Each structure stands twice: as C-alpha cells, then as structure tokens.
C-alpha cells in the first residue's frame, strides 16, 4: 500500500485500485474522505484539532476522554525497527503478518536473494484462494479467513479485556480494493504496517491511534505515491493468541504502490552498501594473509 499521512482531508480525488492478490490496477470512482473523528469515544461528533487524535473538548488536561483501551498484559511491544530496519523484511511482511506477530525468515531470504517479495495471505493455509483482481474484500470473508488461520481467536469489542495469553487486533476493509489489520501494543496504543511500507503508529490523518474504529482510515490519491484506499468498513476487534505459534502462508502482491520492489530493494543506496561489504571482506582477507 502506498500511504501518506499528516495531510488535511475532506476533498475529492480520483483513486487507483490495487488488489492484494495481484498487481491489477483499475481506475475507480471519486473518493471523498470524511473529516477525522475524535477518538475519545463512539458518540463524540466534535471536529478534531489539527494533527491530533481528539477534539478540543477531549484534548485538554483533566478531560473525560478514554485515553487508551484496556490491555491483557500479553500485548507485543511497539518496536518498528524489527520490520523497518531491513528492507527485505519490510517488503516481505504486510499488515496481516505484523498484526499476528509473524516473522518469516524464509520469506525474508526469498525477498533478499530472488526479489520474490510476496505477502502473507489470510486463510491460505486452510484452503482459501488468493484474492483476485475481480473479487472484493468483505468483512465476512476476511473474518472467515482470519479465523481459519487463528482458530483459537475470537471476536470481541474495544472495552473488553482479552483472556490471558491473548491480545487484540482490529480488521478493516475497503470492500472494493483491500483489507487491513491493526494490532494493540503493550502501551495500549495501536500500530499497523501498510503493505510493504514501514510500521507506524499513526493513522491516515497523521494522528496517534487510540482506537482503530475511530481513527482516520482514508488515503486519497493526491500524488502518484498515494494508494487511494478508503477502509470505510470496520469489521471487528479480535483477540488472538500471543503464546501460541500462528502459521500463515504467502502469496499476493509484492508491494502496494507505484514503486517496483526491484528498484527499491536494489537501488543506489543498497548498491553502495554491497560495495562497502565487499571492500571490508577483501581487507579482512588481506589481514589474515
């Protein structure tokens, strides 16, 4: 997914559709992003302050805002460098893998050596087909696929604490184009990994995510780098195990966005770093002699 954050929203722009199951692009209808919602609670309709997660009423000291959702104590620590530092890791793990705590060494090596940077696909290990360019992404389908991969997981809500050894993820969809996952971290905040992009704890508005069901999830296509996705359907919160292994299968597109994986993985900076490694290796060999 190609994403931009921290922009003002609320105007119309044309979107480019990108499917998880392949690289098909279809020119779609006009998207008008709604204004960001206050994340304090489900009933607040006040406009948020610029770049903030809350409205003026809920953003002050001593306010009655609900700052963070409850945690079980088994949430993962927010450490974006695990997925962001190595480009091969970043480009081979998507929002689904990140939310489920998957770190696939085999996929990392395939991405690094063969430039084969395919994403993990929900439900593929249990016989679900890869998403195609002709089918949409509905909440019922995505939930079914997620439950197939995580049979011990269960649907919950924002206010309920997960059972011991479990923590929350959230599922949203752009029903025509894409699906997306968020996860709750140890500090009670939420983070996500937009496709082959870096892990972030900011929403589409550039604000910190206190609750995904109220966070901004609309990414209008303002520039060629933007995805034009609008995850306007919030599917559910789920509790997923954190002490049991979760097995997911690969497939799908390498990247969501206009840049090609090859140019990003093997660009000038990477070439310079490879030359540096070769020079150091030669020096080490000379010293040994």
Protein backbone atom coordinates (compact mmCIF):
# COMPACT_ATOMS: atom_id res chain seq x y z
CA UNK A 1 0.00 0.00 0.00
CA UNK A 2 1.30 3.43 -0.77
CA UNK A 3 0.31 5.74 2.04
CA UNK A 4 0.68 9.37 3.02
CA UNK A 5 -0.05 10.77 6.46
CA UNK A 6 -0.46 14.13 8.11
CA UNK A 7 -2.49 15.78 5.33
CA UNK A 8 -5.73 17.68 5.56
CA UNK A 9 -8.68 15.62 4.38
CA UNK A 10 -12.16 16.22 3.11
CA UNK A 11 -11.82 16.81 -0.63
CA UNK A 12 -12.41 14.65 -3.66
CA UNK A 13 -9.73 12.90 -5.63
CA UNK A 14 -9.61 10.02 -8.09
CA UNK A 15 -8.42 6.70 -6.78
CA UNK A 16 -6.31 3.89 -8.22
CA UNK A 17 -7.41 0.46 -7.10
CA UNK A 18 -4.87 -2.10 -6.00
CA UNK A 19 -5.69 -5.70 -5.16
CA UNK A 20 -3.93 -7.83 -2.55
CA UNK A 21 -3.92 -10.85 -4.85
CA UNK A 22 -2.05 -9.28 -7.74
CA UNK A 23 -0.89 -6.12 -9.43
CA UNK A 24 -4.15 -5.31 -11.24
CA UNK A 25 -4.98 -1.62 -11.32
CA UNK A 26 -8.46 -0.38 -12.19
CA UNK A 27 -9.43 3.28 -12.38
CA UNK A 28 -12.19 3.69 -9.80
CA UNK A 29 -14.77 6.23 -8.68
CA UNK A 30 -14.04 9.51 -6.93
CA UNK A 31 -13.23 9.29 -3.21
CA UNK A 32 -14.22 11.97 -0.73
CA UNK A 33 -12.52 11.49 2.62
CA UNK A 34 -14.67 12.30 5.65
CA UNK A 35 -13.20 14.58 8.32
CA UNK A 36 -11.29 12.79 11.10
CA UNK A 37 -13.31 11.65 14.13
CA UNK A 38 -12.50 12.29 17.76
CA UNK A 39 -11.14 9.03 19.17
CA UNK A 40 -12.35 9.70 22.73
CA UNK A 41 -15.49 7.60 22.39
CA UNK A 42 -18.11 6.43 19.91
CA UNK A 43 -20.50 9.31 20.50
CA UNK A 44 -18.24 12.37 20.18
CA UNK A 45 -19.02 14.26 16.96
CA UNK A 46 -16.75 17.28 17.56
CA UNK A 47 -14.06 18.01 14.95
CA UNK A 48 -10.54 17.00 15.93
CA UNK A 49 -7.77 19.52 16.41
CA UNK A 50 -5.16 19.71 13.66
CA UNK A 51 -2.92 16.62 13.74
CA UNK A 52 -4.49 15.39 17.00
CA UNK A 53 -6.47 12.28 17.91
CA UNK A 54 -9.10 14.20 19.89
CA UNK A 55 -11.36 17.20 19.68
CA UNK A 56 -10.75 20.34 21.76
CA UNK A 57 -13.12 19.14 24.48
CA UNK A 58 -11.34 15.82 24.95
CA UNK A 59 -7.79 17.03 24.33
CA UNK A 60 -7.31 19.15 27.46
CA UNK A 61 -5.88 18.30 30.84
CA UNK A 62 -8.41 16.69 33.15
CA UNK A 63 -10.71 15.77 30.27
CA UNK A 64 -13.04 12.79 30.40
CA UNK A 65 -11.57 11.18 27.29
CA UNK A 66 -10.90 7.48 27.23
CA UNK A 67 -7.17 7.62 26.68
CA UNK A 68 -6.38 4.00 25.93
CA UNK A 69 -8.19 0.71 25.63
CA UNK A 70 -7.74 -1.99 28.29
CA UNK A 71 -4.86 -4.42 27.89
CA UNK A 72 -4.34 -8.04 28.92
CA UNK A 73 -0.62 -7.75 29.61
CA UNK A 74 0.28 -10.02 26.67
CA UNK A 75 0.46 -7.30 24.01
CA UNK A 76 3.61 -7.08 21.88
CA UNK A 77 5.99 -4.18 22.42
CA UNK A 78 5.92 -1.46 19.77
CA UNK A 79 9.32 -1.85 18.10
CA UNK A 80 9.05 -0.78 14.45
CA UNK A 81 12.73 -1.40 13.75
CA UNK A 82 12.12 -5.16 13.75
CA UNK A 83 10.23 -4.74 10.46
CA UNK A 84 11.59 -1.41 9.21
CA UNK A 85 15.36 -1.73 9.53
CA UNK A 86 15.87 -4.42 6.87
CA UNK A 87 14.23 -3.67 3.50
CA UNK A 88 13.84 -7.38 2.76
CA UNK A 89 11.83 -7.78 5.97
CA UNK A 90 9.81 -4.65 5.29
CA UNK A 91 8.90 -5.68 1.76
CA UNK A 92 8.00 -9.30 2.57
CA UNK A 93 5.71 -8.69 5.57
CA UNK A 94 2.35 -6.96 5.38
CA UNK A 95 -0.27 -5.78 7.87
CA UNK A 96 -1.56 -9.33 8.43
CA UNK A 97 1.87 -10.73 9.30
CA UNK A 98 2.63 -7.77 11.54
CA UNK A 99 -0.67 -7.93 13.43
CA UNK A 100 -0.26 -11.66 14.05
CA UNK A 101 3.36 -11.32 15.15
CA UNK A 102 4.74 -13.33 12.22
CA UNK A 103 8.40 -13.02 11.29
CA UNK A 104 9.06 -15.30 8.31
CA UNK A 105 12.80 -15.83 7.80
CA UNK A 106 12.23 -17.91 4.66
CA UNK A 107 10.27 -15.10 3.02
CA UNK A 108 12.94 -12.59 4.01
CA UNK A 109 15.62 -14.65 2.27
CA UNK A 110 13.47 -15.14 -0.83
CA UNK A 111 12.89 -11.42 -0.98
CA UNK A 112 16.56 -10.60 -0.49
CA UNK A 113 18.05 -13.18 -2.86
CA UNK A 114 15.41 -13.60 -5.56
CA UNK A 115 13.47 -10.34 -5.23
CA UNK A 116 10.39 -12.51 -4.64
CA UNK A 117 8.69 -10.35 -2.03
CA UNK A 118 5.20 -11.80 -1.73
CA UNK A 119 2.92 -11.11 1.21
CA UNK A 120 1.20 -13.47 3.62
CA UNK A 121 -2.44 -14.10 2.64
CA UNK A 122 -5.17 -14.67 5.28
CA UNK A 123 -6.68 -18.16 5.10
CA UNK A 124 -4.31 -19.58 2.51
CA UNK A 125 -3.01 -22.27 4.87
CA UNK A 126 -6.58 -23.57 5.26
CA UNK A 127 -7.50 -23.74 1.58
CA UNK A 128 -8.79 -20.24 0.91
CA UNK A 129 -7.82 -18.97 -2.51
CA UNK A 130 -5.68 -15.90 -3.03
CA UNK A 131 -7.57 -12.68 -3.61
CA UNK A 132 -8.09 -11.97 -7.29
CA UNK A 133 -8.46 -8.68 -9.09
CA UNK A 134 -12.14 -9.40 -9.69
CA UNK A 135 -13.35 -10.07 -6.14
CA UNK A 136 -13.95 -7.63 -3.31
CA UNK A 137 -12.90 -7.88 0.28
CA UNK A 138 -15.89 -8.20 2.59
CA UNK A 139 -15.81 -8.32 6.38
CA UNK A 140 -17.41 -11.77 6.46
CA UNK A 141 -14.80 -13.20 4.08
CA UNK A 142 -11.83 -11.61 5.86
CA UNK A 143 -13.10 -12.70 9.29
CA UNK A 144 -13.60 -16.24 7.98
CA UNK A 145 -10.06 -16.32 6.61
CA UNK A 146 -8.61 -14.93 9.83
CA UNK A 147 -10.46 -17.47 11.97
CA UNK A 148 -9.22 -20.24 9.69
CA UNK A 149 -5.61 -19.25 10.38
CA UNK A 150 -6.24 -18.47 14.06
CA UNK A 151 -8.96 -20.93 15.17
CA UNK A 152 -8.45 -20.08 18.84
CA UNK A 153 -9.07 -16.39 18.19
CA UNK A 154 -12.42 -14.82 18.99
CA UNK A 155 -14.36 -11.65 18.23
CA UNK A 156 -14.50 -9.00 20.97
CA UNK A 157 -15.06 -5.26 21.42
CA UNK A 158 -12.91 -2.28 22.33
CA UNK A 159 -13.83 -2.18 26.02
CA UNK A 160 -13.42 -5.88 26.86
CA UNK A 161 -10.06 -7.21 28.06
CA UNK A 162 -8.75 -10.27 26.19
CA UNK A 163 -8.17 -13.53 28.04
CA UNK A 164 -4.67 -14.24 29.41
CA UNK A 165 -2.15 -15.03 26.64
CA UNK A 166 -4.27 -13.09 24.12
CA UNK A 167 -4.26 -9.54 22.80
CA UNK A 168 -6.31 -7.52 20.32
CA UNK A 169 -6.13 -6.91 16.61
CA UNK A 170 -8.57 -4.91 14.52
CA UNK A 171 -9.76 -5.66 10.98
CA UNK A 172 -10.99 -3.10 8.42
CA UNK A 173 -11.71 -3.29 4.70
CA UNK A 174 -12.03 -1.19 1.61
CA UNK A 175 -14.65 -3.55 0.21
CA UNK A 176 -13.67 -2.99 -3.41
CA UNK A 177 -9.93 -2.97 -3.09
CA UNK A 178 -8.20 -4.03 0.07
CA UNK A 179 -8.17 -5.28 3.67
CA UNK A 180 -6.10 -4.12 6.61
CA UNK A 181 -5.11 -5.13 10.15
CA UNK A 182 -4.07 -3.18 13.24
CA UNK A 183 -2.66 -4.52 16.50
CA UNK A 184 -2.72 -3.22 20.06
CA UNK A 185 0.70 -2.78 21.66
CA UNK A 186 1.89 -3.09 25.24
CA UNK A 187 1.41 0.63 25.93
CA UNK A 188 -2.28 0.36 24.99
CA UNK A 189 -1.84 2.27 21.72
CA UNK A 190 -2.28 0.79 18.24
CA UNK A 191 0.07 0.33 15.29
CA UNK A 192 -0.02 -1.18 11.81
CA UNK A 193 2.13 -1.99 8.79
CA UNK A 194 0.77 -0.63 5.49
CA UNK A 195 1.71 -3.32 2.98
CA UNK A 196 5.41 -3.13 2.12
CA UNK A 197 5.68 0.21 3.88
CA UNK A 198 7.24 0.83 7.30
CA UNK A 199 5.43 0.07 10.55
CA UNK A 200 3.75 3.15 12.03
CA UNK A 201 1.56 4.15 14.97
CA UNK A 202 -0.13 6.98 13.05
CA UNK A 203 -3.44 6.94 11.16
CA UNK A 204 -4.22 8.45 7.75
CA UNK A 205 -4.52 11.90 9.35
CA UNK A 206 -1.10 11.59 10.96
CA UNK A 207 -2.57 11.23 14.45
CA UNK A 208 -1.71 8.57 17.03
CA UNK A 209 -4.12 5.64 17.07
CA UNK A 210 -6.05 5.21 20.32
CA UNK A 211 -8.83 3.12 18.78
CA UNK A 212 -8.88 1.93 15.14
CA UNK A 213 -12.67 2.06 14.84
CA UNK A 214 -12.47 5.86 15.26
CA UNK A 215 -9.10 6.52 13.62
CA UNK A 216 -8.82 8.04 10.14
CA UNK A 217 -8.51 5.29 7.51
CA UNK A 218 -8.92 7.23 4.25
CA UNK A 219 -5.92 7.76 1.96
CA UNK A 220 -6.96 9.89 -1.04
CA UNK A 221 -4.86 9.72 -4.16
CA UNK A 222 -3.28 13.18 -4.12
CA UNK A 223 0.00 12.14 -5.76
CA UNK A 224 1.17 9.07 -7.72
CA UNK A 225 2.59 7.70 -4.45
CA UNK A 226 -0.78 7.60 -2.70
CA UNK A 227 -2.90 4.47 -2.63
CA UNK A 228 -6.38 5.98 -2.97
CA UNK A 229 -7.71 3.46 -0.44
CA UNK A 230 -10.55 4.11 1.98
CA UNK A 231 -11.07 1.48 4.69
CA UNK A 232 -14.55 2.71 5.49
CA UNK A 233 -15.84 -0.64 6.81
CA UNK A 234 -14.73 -1.53 10.32
CA UNK A 235 -15.17 -5.29 10.67
CA UNK A 236 -14.31 -6.23 14.22
CA UNK A 237 -11.88 -6.38 17.08
CA UNK A 238 -10.42 -9.83 17.69
CA UNK A 239 -8.40 -11.45 20.46
CA UNK A 240 -5.59 -13.59 19.06
CA UNK A 241 -3.08 -15.81 20.93
CA UNK A 242 0.36 -14.43 21.70
CA UNK A 243 1.94 -17.53 23.24
CA UNK A 244 0.95 -19.99 20.50
CA UNK A 245 2.56 -20.18 17.05
CA UNK A 246 0.45 -18.83 14.18
CA UNK A 247 1.15 -20.34 10.75
CA UNK A 248 0.28 -18.25 7.71
CA UNK A 249 1.01 -18.77 4.01
CA UNK A 250 2.42 -16.46 1.38
CA UNK A 251 1.18 -15.13 -1.91
CA UNK A 252 -0.29 -11.90 -3.15
CA UNK A 253 1.38 -8.81 -4.48
CA UNK A 254 4.88 -7.73 -3.59
CA UNK A 255 4.04 -4.10 -2.87
CA UNK A 256 1.05 -1.81 -2.70
CA UNK A 257 2.18 1.30 -4.51
CA UNK A 258 3.71 2.58 -7.73
CA UNK A 259 7.33 1.77 -6.86
CA UNK A 260 8.69 -1.54 -8.06
CA UNK A 261 10.21 -3.82 -5.46
CA UNK A 262 13.31 -4.35 -7.55
CA UNK A 263 14.20 -0.67 -7.75
CA UNK A 264 13.56 -0.17 -4.04
CA UNK A 265 15.49 -3.24 -2.92
CA UNK A 266 18.40 -2.81 -5.30
CA UNK A 267 18.71 0.95 -5.62
CA UNK A 268 21.84 3.11 -5.36
CA UNK A 269 21.96 3.01 -1.55
CA UNK A 270 21.81 -0.79 -1.49
CA UNK A 271 24.45 -0.98 -4.21
CA UNK A 272 26.77 1.26 -2.20
CA UNK A 273 26.26 -0.85 0.90
CA UNK A 274 27.08 -4.04 -1.04
CA UNK A 275 30.30 -2.47 -2.35
CA UNK A 276 31.23 -1.47 1.20
CA UNK A 277 30.74 -5.04 2.40
CA UNK A 278 32.91 -6.38 -0.44
CA UNK A 279 35.72 -3.92 0.36
CA UNK A 280 35.64 -4.86 4.04
CA UNK A 281 35.74 -8.56 3.14
CA UNK A 282 38.78 -8.03 0.94
CA UNK A 283 40.58 -6.10 3.68
CA UNK A 284 39.86 -8.86 6.18
CA UNK A 285 41.27 -11.48 3.81
CA UNK A 286 44.44 -9.44 3.27
CA UNK A 287 44.96 -9.07 7.01
CA UNK A 288 44.59 -12.82 7.51
CA UNK A 289 47.33 -13.42 4.94
